[in-house]
């Protein structure tokens, strides 16, 4: 009986250790705000000859609470102004009868929040703005919103290149994204040679699509990761651009961005290596648990058999 209790205690302790070890990454991941995640983030932007960009973004949120404040940060440090801002709630998504309900802009956080949004600065030093929406789970556990806006003077015009720098997901991000896809169209009638770089997270793919647009996508972007684009283009496709910078920059940007992508890739490889090692450790721990349990159980059975044989011998001698 004593051996059986010891075996049970050992098994419980080892299983507890195994469960704790396997849950460490999950516990760490849940340390951030988990009121919602983003299932899909699709951003289409069209550049104009004056160096502005018109954004149309479709974002699907997965709500984990009854009432959630959805945030969409906009880094406006390198932009002169925002125009034509619209926010729409998508109803009956995926159906032939899909409709879009326009939200009204609200100046402050007082008053009725239903079907409204607030656009306001949240870090004035960084010129960081935010669009916030109070979402209700009664509308569905998954909600899709469409954001439309034009950002003026977003393209930098150097002597040897035009450059777009944009953070779709800003550094310090606290929301997990399952899927991100971005595409960039150039001024009408243009299909230039471009160089695109992605930083902040590892991309699944980047290419020029069938329509001549630059496209990139990524999956499973975690908290504290960003998704940033640097796009280099010919200067002459922006004849009306106003953000003129009188120096060459292309070679420096290419060198920096190449290193940037490589650093992110190296970090991703390190993270994958840690996951593989963790999996191997857990597998080894399971084997150790199994082996120790087998040895103890086998020892217990042998002892039990010896005791049975001993009792049989005593009974035989008693009969004779």
Protein backbone atom coordinates (compact mmCIF):
# COMPACT_ATOMS: atom_id res chain seq x y z
CA UNK A 1 0.00 0.00 0.00
CA UNK A 2 2.86 2.36 0.84
CA UNK A 3 4.46 1.75 -2.56
CA UNK A 4 1.16 2.45 -4.32
CA UNK A 5 0.75 5.79 -2.51
CA UNK A 6 4.32 6.75 -3.39
CA UNK A 7 3.67 5.90 -7.04
CA UNK A 8 0.49 7.99 -7.08
CA UNK A 9 2.24 11.00 -5.48
CA UNK A 10 5.14 10.77 -7.92
CA UNK A 11 2.83 10.56 -10.94
CA UNK A 12 0.77 13.54 -9.73
CA UNK A 13 3.90 15.64 -9.14
CA UNK A 14 5.36 14.83 -12.55
CA UNK A 15 2.08 15.50 -14.35
CA UNK A 16 1.74 18.83 -12.51
CA UNK A 17 5.29 19.76 -13.57
CA UNK A 18 4.52 18.79 -17.16
CA UNK A 19 1.33 20.84 -17.26
CA UNK A 20 3.02 23.90 -15.73
CA UNK A 21 5.93 23.67 -18.18
CA UNK A 22 3.63 23.43 -21.19
CA UNK A 23 1.44 26.30 -19.97
CA UNK A 24 4.26 28.82 -19.37
CA UNK A 25 4.05 30.32 -22.91
CA UNK A 26 0.25 30.50 -22.64
CA UNK A 27 0.38 32.22 -19.27
CA UNK A 28 2.85 34.74 -20.66
CA UNK A 29 0.71 35.38 -23.74
CA UNK A 30 -2.37 36.00 -21.64
CA UNK A 31 -0.66 38.70 -19.65
CA UNK A 32 -1.79 41.30 -22.15
CA UNK A 33 -5.28 42.67 -22.62
CA UNK A 34 -7.46 39.86 -24.01
CA UNK A 35 -10.77 41.71 -24.44
CA UNK A 36 -10.49 41.06 -28.17
CA UNK A 37 -8.23 39.76 -30.90
CA UNK A 38 -8.13 40.59 -34.61
CA UNK A 39 -9.07 37.69 -36.87
CA UNK A 40 -8.39 39.52 -40.12
CA UNK A 41 -6.83 42.85 -41.08
CA UNK A 42 -6.93 43.73 -44.78
CA UNK A 43 -5.63 47.10 -45.92
CA UNK A 44 -5.79 48.44 -49.47
CA UNK A 45 -4.17 51.78 -50.11
CA UNK A 46 -4.00 53.76 -53.32
CA UNK A 47 -1.25 56.32 -53.79
CA UNK A 48 -1.96 59.55 -55.67
CA UNK A 49 0.37 61.70 -57.76
CA UNK A 50 0.45 64.35 -55.00
CA UNK A 51 1.98 61.90 -52.52
CA UNK A 52 -1.21 61.23 -50.59
CA UNK A 53 -2.73 57.80 -49.94
CA UNK A 54 -6.34 56.67 -49.72
CA UNK A 55 -6.83 53.76 -47.28
CA UNK A 56 -9.66 51.24 -47.29
CA UNK A 57 -9.25 48.80 -44.43
CA UNK A 58 -11.48 45.90 -43.39
CA UNK A 59 -10.87 44.57 -39.89
CA UNK A 60 -12.65 41.68 -38.19
CA UNK A 61 -12.53 41.61 -34.39
CA UNK A 62 -13.19 38.61 -32.13
CA UNK A 63 -14.74 39.86 -28.89
CA UNK A 64 -14.03 38.18 -25.57
CA UNK A 65 -16.11 40.43 -23.36
CA UNK A 66 -19.66 41.76 -23.48
CA UNK A 67 -18.57 45.36 -24.05
CA UNK A 68 -15.23 46.18 -25.61
CA UNK A 69 -13.43 49.35 -26.66
CA UNK A 70 -11.85 48.66 -30.05
CA UNK A 71 -8.79 50.75 -30.84
CA UNK A 72 -7.25 51.55 -34.20
CA UNK A 73 -4.06 53.60 -33.77
CA UNK A 74 -2.93 55.92 -36.58
CA UNK A 75 0.70 57.13 -36.47
CA UNK A 76 0.44 60.63 -37.92
CA UNK A 77 3.99 61.86 -37.28
CA UNK A 78 4.98 61.84 -40.98
CA UNK A 79 1.57 62.89 -42.32
CA UNK A 80 0.34 66.45 -42.73
CA UNK A 81 -3.42 65.78 -42.37
CA UNK A 82 -6.25 63.25 -42.54
CA UNK A 83 -9.32 63.71 -44.74
CA UNK A 84 -12.55 61.88 -45.61
CA UNK A 85 -12.55 59.67 -42.51
CA UNK A 86 -15.36 57.11 -42.49
CA UNK A 87 -16.07 54.19 -40.16
CA UNK A 88 -18.67 51.58 -41.11
CA UNK A 89 -20.04 48.51 -39.34
CA UNK A 90 -20.56 45.53 -41.65
CA UNK A 91 -23.81 43.61 -41.11
CA UNK A 92 -24.59 40.14 -42.51
CA UNK A 93 -20.98 39.70 -43.62
CA UNK A 94 -20.47 37.23 -46.43
CA UNK A 95 -24.14 37.25 -47.39
CA UNK A 96 -25.61 38.66 -50.58
CA UNK A 97 -27.50 41.10 -48.38
CA UNK A 98 -24.34 42.43 -46.65
CA UNK A 99 -24.95 45.99 -45.51
CA UNK A 100 -22.76 48.73 -44.10
CA UNK A 101 -23.87 51.02 -41.30
CA UNK A 102 -22.02 54.34 -41.07
CA UNK A 103 -20.91 55.38 -37.59
CA UNK A 104 -21.15 58.99 -36.48
CA UNK A 105 -18.08 60.87 -35.26
CA UNK A 106 -18.21 61.87 -31.58
CA UNK A 107 -16.09 64.61 -30.04
CA UNK A 108 -15.78 63.20 -26.53
CA UNK A 109 -16.53 60.16 -24.41
CA UNK A 110 -19.77 61.54 -22.99
CA UNK A 111 -23.20 60.75 -24.38
CA UNK A 112 -24.56 57.80 -26.29
CA UNK A 113 -21.74 55.63 -27.63
CA UNK A 114 -23.86 53.40 -29.86
CA UNK A 115 -22.99 53.56 -33.56
CA UNK A 116 -20.33 56.22 -32.97
CA UNK A 117 -16.55 56.50 -32.96
CA UNK A 118 -14.01 58.88 -31.48
CA UNK A 119 -10.94 60.12 -33.32
CA UNK A 120 -8.48 61.76 -30.96
CA UNK A 121 -4.76 62.15 -30.17
CA UNK A 122 -3.41 59.73 -27.55
CA UNK A 123 0.31 60.64 -27.63
CA UNK A 124 0.82 64.21 -28.75
CA UNK A 125 4.63 64.04 -28.70
CA UNK A 126 4.56 61.16 -31.20
CA UNK A 127 1.56 62.59 -33.04
CA UNK A 128 -0.20 59.28 -32.47
CA UNK A 129 -3.97 59.32 -32.97
CA UNK A 130 -6.58 56.66 -32.30
CA UNK A 131 -10.01 55.68 -33.60
CA UNK A 132 -11.98 54.06 -30.77
CA UNK A 133 -15.32 52.24 -31.01
CA UNK A 134 -17.42 50.89 -28.17
CA UNK A 135 -18.52 47.47 -29.44
CA UNK A 136 -21.26 45.30 -27.94
CA UNK A 137 -21.19 41.51 -28.06
CA UNK A 138 -24.96 41.58 -28.63
CA UNK A 139 -24.11 42.57 -32.21
CA UNK A 140 -22.08 39.36 -32.53
CA UNK A 141 -18.94 37.80 -31.10
CA UNK A 142 -17.18 38.67 -34.38
CA UNK A 143 -17.59 42.18 -35.72
CA UNK A 144 -16.22 43.66 -38.93
CA UNK A 145 -15.58 47.36 -39.44
CA UNK A 146 -14.41 49.23 -42.52
CA UNK A 147 -12.17 52.29 -42.16
CA UNK A 148 -11.73 54.75 -45.02
CA UNK A 149 -9.48 57.80 -44.92
CA UNK A 150 -6.98 59.82 -46.92
CA UNK A 151 -3.56 60.74 -45.52
CA UNK A 152 -1.88 63.74 -47.10
CA UNK A 153 1.85 64.01 -47.88
CA UNK A 154 2.61 60.45 -46.78
CA UNK A 155 5.24 59.88 -49.51
CA UNK A 156 8.78 61.23 -49.04
CA UNK A 157 10.40 62.47 -52.25
CA UNK A 158 14.20 62.20 -52.13
CA UNK A 159 16.48 62.90 -55.09
CA UNK A 160 16.89 59.24 -55.99
CA UNK A 161 13.74 57.58 -54.68
CA UNK A 162 10.21 58.08 -53.43
CA UNK A 163 9.59 56.34 -50.11
CA UNK A 164 6.48 55.28 -48.23
CA UNK A 165 6.92 54.44 -44.55
CA UNK A 166 3.85 53.12 -42.77
CA UNK A 167 3.02 51.15 -39.64
CA UNK A 168 -0.10 49.07 -40.15
CA UNK A 169 0.42 47.56 -36.69
CA UNK A 170 2.39 49.90 -34.47
CA UNK A 171 5.29 48.88 -32.16
CA UNK A 172 4.02 48.12 -28.67
CA UNK A 173 0.94 46.45 -30.12
CA UNK A 174 -1.12 44.62 -27.44
CA UNK A 175 -3.57 42.76 -29.70
CA UNK A 176 -2.92 39.42 -31.41
CA UNK A 177 -3.62 39.34 -35.17
CA UNK A 178 -4.42 36.05 -36.90
CA UNK A 179 -4.07 37.33 -40.46
CA UNK A 180 -2.82 40.53 -42.09
CA UNK A 181 -2.82 41.42 -45.77
CA UNK A 182 -1.84 44.74 -47.33
CA UNK A 183 -1.72 45.94 -50.92
CA UNK A 184 -0.54 49.18 -52.48
CA UNK A 185 -1.65 50.65 -55.81
CA UNK A 186 0.28 53.43 -57.54
CA UNK A 187 -0.93 56.60 -59.27
CA UNK A 188 -3.33 55.82 -62.10
CA UNK A 189 -1.77 54.29 -65.18
CA UNK A 190 1.56 53.58 -63.50
CA UNK A 191 3.16 50.17 -62.95
CA UNK A 192 6.65 51.02 -61.70
CA UNK A 193 9.50 48.90 -60.44
CA UNK A 194 9.32 48.99 -56.67
CA UNK A 195 11.20 47.57 -53.70
CA UNK A 196 9.19 46.63 -50.62
CA UNK A 197 10.39 45.70 -47.16
CA UNK A 198 8.43 44.36 -44.18
CA UNK A 199 9.56 44.83 -40.58
CA UNK A 200 8.32 44.13 -37.08
CA UNK A 201 7.17 40.58 -37.82
CA UNK A 202 7.90 37.79 -40.28
CA UNK A 203 5.82 37.96 -43.46
CA UNK A 204 4.43 34.89 -45.21
CA UNK A 205 4.65 36.42 -48.66
CA UNK A 206 5.41 39.64 -50.50
CA UNK A 207 5.15 40.10 -54.25
CA UNK A 208 3.70 42.12 -57.11
CA UNK A 209 0.19 40.76 -57.71
CA UNK A 210 -1.61 40.26 -61.05
CA UNK A 211 -2.90 43.84 -60.96
CA UNK A 212 0.60 45.25 -60.56
CA UNK A 213 0.08 46.15 -56.90
CA UNK A 214 2.63 45.51 -54.20
CA UNK A 215 1.15 42.97 -51.78
CA UNK A 216 2.29 41.36 -48.54
CA UNK A 217 0.68 39.14 -45.98
CA UNK A 218 1.47 37.61 -42.61
CA UNK A 219 -0.18 35.34 -40.07
CA UNK A 220 -0.12 34.91 -36.32
CA UNK A 221 1.27 38.29 -35.35
CA UNK A 222 1.49 38.29 -31.58
CA UNK A 223 1.46 41.02 -28.99
CA UNK A 224 4.56 43.24 -28.94
CA UNK A 225 5.02 42.60 -32.67
CA UNK A 226 4.37 45.16 -35.37
CA UNK A 227 3.77 45.11 -39.12
CA UNK A 228 5.57 47.91 -40.92
CA UNK A 229 6.09 48.65 -44.60
CA UNK A 230 8.80 50.53 -46.42
CA UNK A 231 8.15 50.91 -50.15
CA UNK A 232 10.66 52.50 -52.55
CA UNK A 233 9.35 53.82 -55.89
CA UNK A 234 10.44 56.05 -58.78
CA UNK A 235 10.24 59.76 -57.97
CA UNK A 236 8.62 60.68 -61.30
CA UNK A 237 5.31 58.95 -60.53
CA UNK A 238 4.62 61.70 -57.96
CA UNK A 239 4.87 64.90 -60.05
CA UNK A 240 2.62 66.81 -57.65
CA UNK A 241 4.26 65.62 -54.45
CA UNK A 242 5.07 68.25 -51.83
CA UNK A 243 7.33 66.48 -49.32
CA UNK A 244 10.63 67.18 -51.10
CA UNK A 245 13.94 66.24 -49.46
CA UNK A 246 17.08 67.46 -51.21
CA UNK A 247 19.41 64.50 -50.72
CA UNK A 248 19.96 60.91 -51.86
CA UNK A 249 18.67 58.20 -49.53
CA UNK A 250 17.96 55.00 -51.46
CA UNK A 251 21.17 53.09 -50.72
CA UNK A 252 20.98 53.89 -47.00
CA UNK A 253 17.31 52.86 -46.81
CA UNK A 254 17.93 49.60 -48.69
CA UNK A 255 20.86 48.71 -46.42
CA UNK A 256 18.91 49.50 -43.26
CA UNK A 257 15.75 47.71 -44.37
CA UNK A 258 17.64 44.59 -45.48
CA UNK A 259 19.24 44.39 -42.03
CA UNK A 260 15.82 45.07 -40.47
CA UNK A 261 14.17 42.16 -42.27
CA UNK A 262 17.09 39.87 -41.42
CA UNK A 263 16.94 40.78 -37.72
CA UNK A 264 13.23 39.95 -37.61
CA UNK A 265 13.88 36.66 -39.42
CA UNK A 266 16.65 35.77 -36.96
CA UNK A 267 14.36 36.50 -34.00
CA UNK A 268 11.68 34.33 -35.60
CA UNK A 269 14.17 31.47 -36.04
CA UNK A 270 15.22 31.79 -32.40
CA UNK A 271 11.58 31.67 -31.29
CA UNK A 272 10.97 28.59 -33.44
CA UNK A 273 14.09 26.96 -31.98
CA UNK A 274 12.81 27.62 -28.46
CA UNK A 275 9.44 26.08 -29.36
CA UNK A 276 11.15 22.99 -30.80
CA UNK A 277 13.35 22.64 -27.72
CA UNK A 278 10.32 23.07 -25.47
CA UNK A 279 8.47 20.37 -27.43
CA UNK A 280 11.49 18.05 -27.18
CA UNK A 281 11.76 18.73 -23.46
CA UNK A 282 8.09 17.97 -22.90
CA UNK A 283 8.40 14.80 -25.00
CA UNK A 284 11.46 13.71 -22.99
CA UNK A 285 9.63 14.48 -19.75
CA UNK A 286 6.72 12.29 -20.85
CA UNK A 287 9.14 9.46 -21.62
CA UNK A 288 10.84 9.86 -18.23
CA UNK A 289 7.48 9.84 -16.48
CA UNK A 290 6.49 6.71 -18.38
CA UNK A 291 9.80 4.96 -17.68
CA UNK A 292 9.81 5.79 -13.95
CA UNK A 293 6.17 4.78 -13.63
CA UNK A 294 6.90 1.49 -15.45
CA UNK A 295 9.92 0.72 -13.22
CA UNK A 296 8.04 1.48 -10.03
CA UNK A 297 4.98 -0.46 -11.15
CA UNK A 298 7.14 -3.40 -12.27
CA UNK A 299 8.98 -3.38 -8.96
CA UNK A 300 5.66 -3.28 -7.14
CA UNK A 301 4.33 -6.26 -9.13
CA UNK A 302 7.50 -8.29 -8.49
CA UNK A 303 7.27 -7.60 -4.78
CA UNK A 304 3.61 -8.53 -4.81
CA UNK A 305 4.44 -11.80 -6.63
CA UNK A 306 7.19 -12.58 -4.09
CA UNK A 307 4.78 -11.96 -1.25
CA UNK A 308 2.20 -14.24 -2.89
CA UNK A 309 4.81 -16.96 -3.46
CA UNK A 310 6.05 -16.59 0.10
CA UNK A 311 2.54 -16.97 1.47
CA UNK A 312 1.98 -20.04 -0.74
CA UNK A 313 5.21 -21.61 0.57
CA UNK A 314 4.16 -20.99 4.16
CA UNK A 315 0.75 -22.59 3.53
CA UNK A 316 2.38 -25.64 1.84
CA UNK A 317 4.70 -26.19 4.79
CA UNK A 318 1.78 -25.82 7.16
CA UNK A 319 -0.17 -28.54 5.29
CA UNK A 320 2.77 -30.98 5.36
